[in-house]
Amino acid sequence: MIKEIKRPPLSKPSPSALDPREFRQVLGTFTTGVTVITARGQDNTLAGVTANSFNSVSMDPPLVLWSLARKSNSLDTFASAEHWAVHILAHDQDNISSHFARSVSGQEKFADINYENGLDNTPLLSGCTARLQCRTKNIYDGGDHIILVGEVITYDKCDTPPLVFQKGSYAIATNTSQTIEPPAGEDLRNSSDKSPIGYLLATAYLNFSAKTKAQAEKLNLNGAEYLILSALGTREGRTYHEIITLAGYAGTNVGPEAINDLVARGYIQIFDKEDSLSPEDDHAKIGLTPDGRLAVEKIFKESELVEAEIMQKLGTPEAIALRYLLSKFVKTYSPSIPYRWF
């Protein structure tokens, strides 16, 4: 039997010899999920706070806990609430985390937030990876925080990757295990995490561009024509100079002949105030014709199928992380390249 050790309650936090800033940095090395906890007090006051102190306690009965600073504006509301809800935020809800981390009243936090009512009219946010509705079980002293333990009454979840927090920044959790088996007879060194980044990027580009080339061939387009239609599909009215600049970023050379060919095939049109038909004219805007829009629809549909295949093979969190990392790589190592595709 485990003997319970009883200690006298603390009226105020004990002074510590630890440097607060350095101690916070040490704690920041521990990666956590990000949650928003909401409640409705007995006086009908709403409360919502961002917390990464959430954790599980017991499976039977189902218990969870989290901690709240004693100086929080929402302390009285959570201390009096019979129920509260834990929202495990999705990877794209960092704005929700920042919103509820503000030091303002609960009523102000919920002013522009859409929510539904859960147990005891506790506000429930949408779009989360998971939501747990809890009944207050115990409240304990935790120094300059209180520790709230709740019994989980009901929950709901989805497959959206969660948001995580590490070293003071938001992140997304990915799986580092080798879940995709290499081809039979493949040298295992080819899939090593020590492979040069340049080799990995080049190999990934060659494989992906091969799929793009296959898509273009289905529509009887060459690489330059495929890129032009894709660029106009995301935003029409681009100039010739803008298109060749975008193509240059992707390593593709686009000349006026590619523009003229698409005009002749009835996919695009060139227009400006003077009705100039010269693609090199920087005042000329290039747009899609009805046939061009149909071609773009096919391009985007094929692209979505390719991305869906990648998502399925890599896994949703890994595919999302790949997009973030590649964007960060481009912005870090090619800062002169504006992000103008859209």
Protein backbone atom coordinates (compact mmCIF):
# COMPACT_ATOMS: atom_id res chain seq x y z
CA MET A 1 0.00 0.00 0.00
CA ILE A 2 1.29 3.48 -0.87
CA LYS A 3 1.38 5.74 2.13
CA GLU A 4 0.07 9.23 1.55
CA ILE A 5 2.39 11.97 2.74
CA LYS A 6 0.46 14.92 4.12
CA ARG A 7 2.02 18.35 4.07
CA PRO A 8 0.66 21.59 5.52
CA PRO A 9 -1.00 23.87 2.94
CA LEU A 10 1.11 26.69 1.53
CA SER A 11 -0.28 30.16 2.06
CA LYS A 12 2.14 31.63 -0.50
CA PRO A 13 4.86 30.32 -2.80
CA SER A 14 8.17 29.55 -1.10
CA PRO A 15 11.13 31.63 -2.28
CA SER A 16 13.38 29.78 -4.73
CA ALA A 17 17.11 29.99 -5.34
CA LEU A 18 16.58 29.05 -8.99
CA ASP A 19 16.89 31.72 -11.65
CA PRO A 20 13.29 32.12 -12.95
CA ARG A 21 14.29 32.92 -16.52
CA GLU A 22 16.76 30.04 -16.80
CA PHE A 23 14.31 27.65 -15.12
CA ARG A 24 11.63 28.63 -17.67
CA GLN A 25 14.10 27.90 -20.50
CA VAL A 26 14.85 24.49 -19.01
CA LEU A 27 11.13 23.67 -18.83
CA GLY A 28 10.79 24.89 -22.42
CA THR A 29 12.94 22.02 -23.66
CA PHE A 30 10.03 19.70 -22.82
CA THR A 31 7.68 19.57 -25.79
CA THR A 32 4.00 19.75 -24.85
CA GLY A 33 0.63 19.89 -26.52
CA VAL A 34 -1.37 23.10 -26.49
CA THR A 35 -4.82 23.30 -24.95
CA VAL A 36 -7.48 25.90 -24.30
CA ILE A 37 -9.53 25.29 -21.16
CA THR A 38 -12.98 26.86 -20.96
CA ALA A 39 -15.61 27.11 -18.24
CA ARG A 40 -18.75 28.96 -17.21
CA GLY A 41 -18.83 30.13 -13.61
CA GLN A 42 -21.79 29.94 -11.27
CA ASP A 43 -22.43 33.63 -11.96
CA ASN A 44 -22.55 32.80 -15.73
CA THR A 45 -19.14 34.40 -16.33
CA LEU A 46 -17.18 32.84 -19.19
CA ALA A 47 -13.53 31.91 -18.85
CA GLY A 48 -10.97 30.59 -21.31
CA VAL A 49 -7.20 30.19 -20.93
CA THR A 50 -4.37 28.65 -22.92
CA ALA A 51 -2.54 25.93 -21.01
CA ASN A 52 0.21 23.45 -21.82
CA SER A 53 0.16 21.98 -18.31
CA PHE A 54 -2.60 19.53 -19.26
CA ASN A 55 -1.91 15.87 -18.52
CA SER A 56 -3.63 12.57 -17.88
CA VAL A 57 -3.87 11.20 -14.35
CA SER A 58 -5.92 8.00 -14.38
CA MET A 59 -7.70 5.68 -16.80
CA ASP A 60 -10.10 4.23 -14.25
CA PRO A 61 -11.70 6.50 -13.31
CA PRO A 62 -10.79 8.76 -16.26
CA LEU A 63 -9.03 11.72 -14.66
CA VAL A 64 -7.02 14.60 -16.14
CA LEU A 65 -5.36 17.66 -14.62
CA TRP A 66 -4.03 21.08 -15.49
CA SER A 67 -2.77 24.09 -13.55
CA LEU A 68 -3.83 27.72 -13.44
CA ALA A 69 -1.84 30.70 -12.14
CA ARG A 70 -3.24 32.25 -8.97
CA LYS A 71 -2.86 35.68 -10.56
CA SER A 72 -5.10 34.70 -13.50
CA ASN A 73 -8.19 36.85 -14.08
CA SER A 74 -10.14 33.60 -14.49
CA LEU A 75 -9.16 32.02 -11.17
CA ASP A 76 -12.51 32.60 -9.43
CA THR A 77 -14.49 31.33 -12.42
CA PHE A 78 -12.58 28.06 -12.71
CA ALA A 79 -12.51 27.58 -8.95
CA SER A 80 -16.31 27.81 -8.77
CA ALA A 81 -17.19 25.97 -12.00
CA GLU A 82 -18.58 22.45 -11.70
CA HIS A 83 -17.52 21.60 -15.24
CA TRP A 84 -14.79 22.68 -17.65
CA ALA A 85 -13.69 21.63 -21.13
CA VAL A 86 -10.22 20.84 -22.45
CA HIS A 87 -9.62 21.65 -26.14
CA ILE A 88 -6.54 19.97 -27.62
CA LEU A 89 -5.76 22.43 -30.39
CA ALA A 90 -5.17 21.41 -34.01
CA HIS A 91 -1.95 22.25 -35.82
CA ASP A 92 -3.50 25.30 -37.53
CA GLN A 93 -5.04 26.82 -34.38
CA ASP A 94 -2.01 28.74 -33.09
CA ASN A 95 -4.12 31.91 -33.48
CA ILE A 96 -6.68 30.45 -31.05
CA SER A 97 -3.89 29.66 -28.59
CA SER A 98 -2.56 33.22 -28.78
CA HIS A 99 -6.07 34.65 -28.50
CA PHE A 100 -6.84 32.86 -25.22
CA ALA A 101 -3.35 33.53 -23.81
CA ARG A 102 -4.15 37.26 -23.52
CA SER A 103 -4.47 38.80 -20.07
CA VAL A 104 -8.02 40.11 -20.49
CA SER A 105 -11.35 39.09 -19.05
CA GLY A 106 -13.12 35.96 -20.24
CA GLN A 107 -15.99 38.00 -21.62
CA GLU A 108 -13.57 39.91 -23.86
CA LYS A 109 -11.94 36.68 -25.07
CA PHE A 110 -15.26 35.24 -26.19
CA ALA A 111 -16.53 38.44 -27.80
CA ASP A 112 -15.64 37.37 -31.36
CA ILE A 113 -15.47 33.60 -30.87
CA ASN A 114 -18.09 31.16 -32.16
CA TYR A 115 -18.81 28.36 -29.71
CA GLU A 116 -21.47 25.86 -28.73
CA ASN A 117 -22.60 24.92 -25.24
CA GLY A 118 -21.55 21.66 -23.64
CA LEU A 119 -22.10 20.24 -20.16
CA ASP A 120 -23.34 22.87 -17.74
CA ASN A 121 -23.30 25.31 -20.70
CA THR A 122 -19.51 25.15 -20.83
CA PRO A 123 -18.35 26.84 -24.08
CA LEU A 124 -16.98 24.40 -26.67
CA LEU A 125 -14.68 25.59 -29.47
CA SER A 126 -14.71 23.99 -32.93
CA GLY A 127 -11.93 22.71 -35.20
CA CYS A 128 -9.92 21.08 -32.42
CA THR A 129 -8.09 17.76 -32.56
CA ALA A 130 -9.95 16.63 -29.44
CA ARG A 131 -12.31 17.99 -26.78
CA LEU A 132 -12.79 16.58 -23.28
CA GLN A 133 -15.69 17.72 -21.09
CA CYS A 134 -14.87 17.27 -17.43
CA ARG A 135 -16.45 17.57 -13.99
CA THR A 136 -14.30 19.16 -11.29
CA LYS A 137 -13.02 16.42 -9.00
CA ASN A 138 -10.42 18.16 -6.82
CA ILE A 139 -8.52 21.42 -6.60
CA TYR A 140 -5.05 21.32 -5.02
CA ASP A 141 -2.48 23.88 -3.93
CA GLY A 142 0.40 24.15 -6.40
CA GLY A 143 2.51 27.04 -5.18
CA ASP A 144 1.81 30.05 -7.36
CA HIS A 145 -0.70 27.86 -9.27
CA ILE A 146 -3.71 25.78 -8.38
CA ILE A 147 -3.99 22.24 -9.78
CA LEU A 148 -7.41 21.25 -11.10
CA VAL A 149 -8.24 17.57 -11.43
CA GLY A 150 -11.29 16.68 -13.49
CA GLU A 151 -13.22 13.52 -14.28
CA VAL A 152 -13.77 13.12 -18.02
CA ILE A 153 -17.50 12.74 -18.69
CA THR A 154 -17.46 12.74 -22.48
CA TYR A 155 -15.12 13.56 -25.36
CA ASP A 156 -14.87 13.81 -29.14
CA LYS A 157 -11.87 13.71 -31.48
CA CYS A 158 -10.72 13.74 -35.11
CA ASP A 159 -7.58 12.83 -37.07
CA THR A 160 -6.29 16.41 -37.46
CA PRO A 161 -2.66 16.68 -36.23
CA PRO A 162 -2.31 18.56 -32.93
CA LEU A 163 -0.45 21.77 -32.23
CA VAL A 164 2.63 21.46 -30.01
CA PHE A 165 4.83 23.94 -28.15
CA GLN A 166 8.61 23.69 -27.85
CA LYS A 167 11.23 26.24 -26.77
CA GLY A 168 8.80 29.11 -26.89
CA SER A 169 7.46 28.38 -30.38
CA TYR A 170 4.54 26.53 -31.94
CA ALA A 171 5.35 23.37 -33.87
CA ILE A 172 3.74 20.27 -35.35
CA ALA A 173 4.52 16.76 -34.18
CA THR A 174 5.81 14.29 -36.77
CA ASN A 175 6.75 10.64 -36.72
CA THR A 176 10.50 10.06 -37.09
CA SER A 177 10.29 6.28 -37.43
CA GLN A 178 10.90 4.69 -40.83
CA THR A 179 7.30 3.75 -41.61
CA ILE A 180 7.92 3.37 -45.35
CA GLU A 181 9.91 0.28 -46.26
CA PRO A 182 12.67 0.75 -48.89
CA PRO A 183 12.46 -1.33 -52.08
CA ALA A 184 13.81 -4.87 -51.90
CA GLY A 185 17.58 -4.86 -52.25
CA GLU A 186 17.84 -1.09 -51.63
CA ASP A 187 21.02 0.03 -49.89
CA LEU A 188 19.88 1.14 -46.42
CA ARG A 189 22.38 3.99 -46.52
CA ASN A 190 20.16 5.68 -49.13
CA SER A 191 17.46 6.23 -46.48
CA SER A 192 19.85 7.29 -43.72
CA ASP A 193 19.12 10.44 -41.76
CA LYS A 194 22.76 11.35 -42.41
CA SER A 195 22.20 11.73 -46.18
CA PRO A 196 23.21 15.20 -47.48
CA ILE A 197 20.28 17.63 -47.61
CA GLY A 198 21.17 18.64 -51.15
CA TYR A 199 20.93 15.03 -52.30
CA LEU A 200 17.57 14.55 -50.56
CA LEU A 201 16.11 17.78 -51.99
CA ALA A 202 17.33 17.00 -55.50
CA THR A 203 15.98 13.45 -55.36
CA ALA A 204 12.61 14.64 -54.00
CA TYR A 205 12.39 17.27 -56.76
CA LEU A 206 13.19 14.76 -59.51
CA ASN A 207 10.53 12.37 -58.25
CA PHE A 208 7.90 15.07 -57.87
CA SER A 209 8.71 16.75 -61.21
CA ALA A 210 8.30 13.36 -62.91
CA LYS A 211 4.72 13.29 -61.63
CA THR A 212 4.19 16.88 -62.83
CA LYS A 213 5.54 15.97 -66.26
CA ALA A 214 3.12 13.06 -66.47
CA GLN A 215 0.23 15.41 -65.59
CA ALA A 216 1.32 17.85 -68.32
CA GLU A 217 1.56 15.11 -70.92
CA LYS A 218 -2.03 14.06 -70.20
CA LEU A 219 -3.12 17.56 -71.30
CA ASN A 220 -0.64 17.71 -74.19
CA LEU A 221 1.31 20.50 -72.49
CA ASN A 222 5.04 20.99 -72.06
CA GLY A 223 6.55 22.00 -68.72
CA ALA A 224 6.51 25.75 -69.41
CA GLU A 225 2.89 25.73 -70.60
CA TYR A 226 1.84 23.66 -67.60
CA LEU A 227 3.48 26.15 -65.22
CA ILE A 228 1.91 29.17 -66.95
CA LEU A 229 -1.60 27.74 -66.67
CA SER A 230 -0.99 26.74 -63.03
CA ALA A 231 0.17 30.27 -62.17
CA LEU A 232 -2.84 31.85 -63.89
CA GLY A 233 -5.12 29.35 -62.17
CA THR A 234 -4.12 30.67 -58.77
CA ARG A 235 -4.34 34.32 -59.88
CA GLU A 236 -5.28 35.75 -63.26
CA GLY A 237 -4.12 39.06 -64.65
CA ARG A 238 -0.40 38.40 -64.22
CA THR A 239 2.06 40.12 -66.54
CA TYR A 240 4.55 38.33 -68.77
CA HIS A 241 7.41 39.55 -66.59
CA GLU A 242 5.75 38.17 -63.48
CA ILE A 243 5.20 34.77 -65.11
CA ILE A 244 8.79 34.41 -66.34
CA THR A 245 10.02 35.46 -62.88
CA LEU A 246 7.89 32.79 -61.19
CA ALA A 247 9.05 30.23 -63.73
CA GLY A 248 12.66 31.18 -63.05
CA TYR A 249 12.19 30.46 -59.35
CA ALA A 250 11.03 26.97 -60.33
CA GLY A 251 13.99 26.49 -62.68
CA THR A 252 11.88 26.72 -65.85
CA ASN A 253 12.65 28.98 -68.80
CA VAL A 254 9.52 30.61 -70.25
CA GLY A 255 9.79 32.56 -73.49
CA PRO A 256 7.16 34.53 -75.44
CA GLU A 257 6.68 31.52 -77.73
CA ALA A 258 5.10 29.58 -74.84
CA ILE A 259 2.64 32.42 -74.25
CA ASN A 260 1.86 32.74 -77.96
CA ASP A 261 1.33 28.98 -78.27
CA LEU A 262 -1.23 28.98 -75.44
CA VAL A 263 -2.97 31.96 -77.06
CA ALA A 264 -3.11 30.11 -80.39
CA ARG A 265 -4.55 27.04 -78.68
CA GLY A 266 -7.27 29.13 -77.06
CA TYR A 267 -6.15 28.65 -73.45
CA ILE A 268 -5.12 32.22 -72.57
CA GLN A 269 -5.72 35.77 -73.74
CA ILE A 270 -3.64 38.94 -73.52
CA PHE A 271 -5.34 42.23 -72.85
CA ASP A 272 -4.71 45.74 -71.53
CA LYS A 273 -6.08 49.21 -72.00
CA GLU A 274 -4.58 49.50 -75.47
CA ASP A 275 -5.55 45.93 -76.39
CA SER A 276 -1.87 45.13 -76.93
CA LEU A 277 -1.25 41.55 -78.05
CA SER A 278 2.47 41.53 -77.20
CA PRO A 279 3.25 39.20 -74.28
CA GLU A 280 6.49 41.09 -73.55
CA ASP A 281 4.53 44.29 -72.83
CA ASP A 282 4.67 44.70 -69.05
CA HIS A 283 1.37 46.58 -69.14
CA ALA A 284 -0.36 43.61 -70.75
CA LYS A 285 -2.33 41.35 -68.45
CA ILE A 286 -2.66 37.65 -69.19
CA GLY A 287 -5.87 35.80 -68.37
CA LEU A 288 -7.54 32.46 -68.96
CA THR A 289 -10.16 31.68 -71.57
CA PRO A 290 -13.07 29.32 -70.79
CA ASP A 291 -11.05 26.45 -72.30
CA GLY A 292 -8.07 27.53 -70.23
CA ARG A 293 -10.11 27.39 -67.04
CA LEU A 294 -11.22 23.85 -67.91
CA ALA A 295 -7.57 22.89 -68.42
CA VAL A 296 -6.65 24.45 -65.07
CA GLU A 297 -9.43 22.52 -63.34
CA LYS A 298 -7.89 19.31 -64.68
CA ILE A 299 -4.41 20.41 -63.60
CA PHE A 300 -5.57 21.17 -60.06
CA LYS A 301 -7.54 17.95 -59.85
CA GLU A 302 -4.48 15.92 -60.86
CA SER A 303 -2.32 17.90 -58.43
CA GLU A 304 -4.75 17.17 -55.60
CA LEU A 305 -4.53 13.46 -56.41
CA VAL A 306 -0.73 13.59 -56.28
CA GLU A 307 -0.79 15.43 -52.95
CA ALA A 308 -3.38 13.00 -51.58
CA GLU A 309 -1.06 10.14 -52.50
CA ILE A 310 1.82 11.87 -50.70
CA MET A 311 -0.36 12.52 -47.64
CA GLN A 312 -1.42 8.88 -47.55
CA LYS A 313 2.12 7.54 -47.82
CA LEU A 314 3.80 10.04 -45.51
CA GLY A 315 0.93 10.62 -43.09
CA THR A 316 -0.93 13.89 -42.59
CA PRO A 317 1.35 15.39 -39.88
CA GLU A 318 4.49 14.61 -41.89
CA ALA A 319 3.05 16.07 -45.11
CA ILE A 320 2.03 19.27 -43.30
CA ALA A 321 5.46 19.50 -41.63
CA LEU A 322 7.12 18.99 -45.04
CA ARG A 323 5.25 21.97 -46.47
CA TYR A 324 6.19 24.16 -43.49
CA LEU A 325 9.85 23.12 -43.59
CA LEU A 326 10.20 23.63 -47.33
CA SER A 327 8.61 27.09 -47.06
CA LYS A 328 10.96 27.94 -44.20
CA PHE A 329 13.93 26.61 -46.18
CA VAL A 330 13.09 28.80 -49.18
CA LYS A 331 12.55 31.92 -47.05
CA THR A 332 15.73 31.29 -45.05
CA TYR A 333 18.14 30.47 -47.87
CA SER A 334 16.52 32.45 -50.69
CA PRO A 335 15.28 35.61 -48.93
CA SER A 336 15.38 37.58 -52.19
CA ILE A 337 12.69 35.37 -53.70
CA PRO A 338 9.24 36.83 -52.91
CA TYR A 339 6.51 34.37 -52.06
CA ARG A 340 4.24 35.41 -54.90
CA TRP A 341 2.72 32.21 -56.27
CA PHE A 342 -0.68 33.13 -54.88
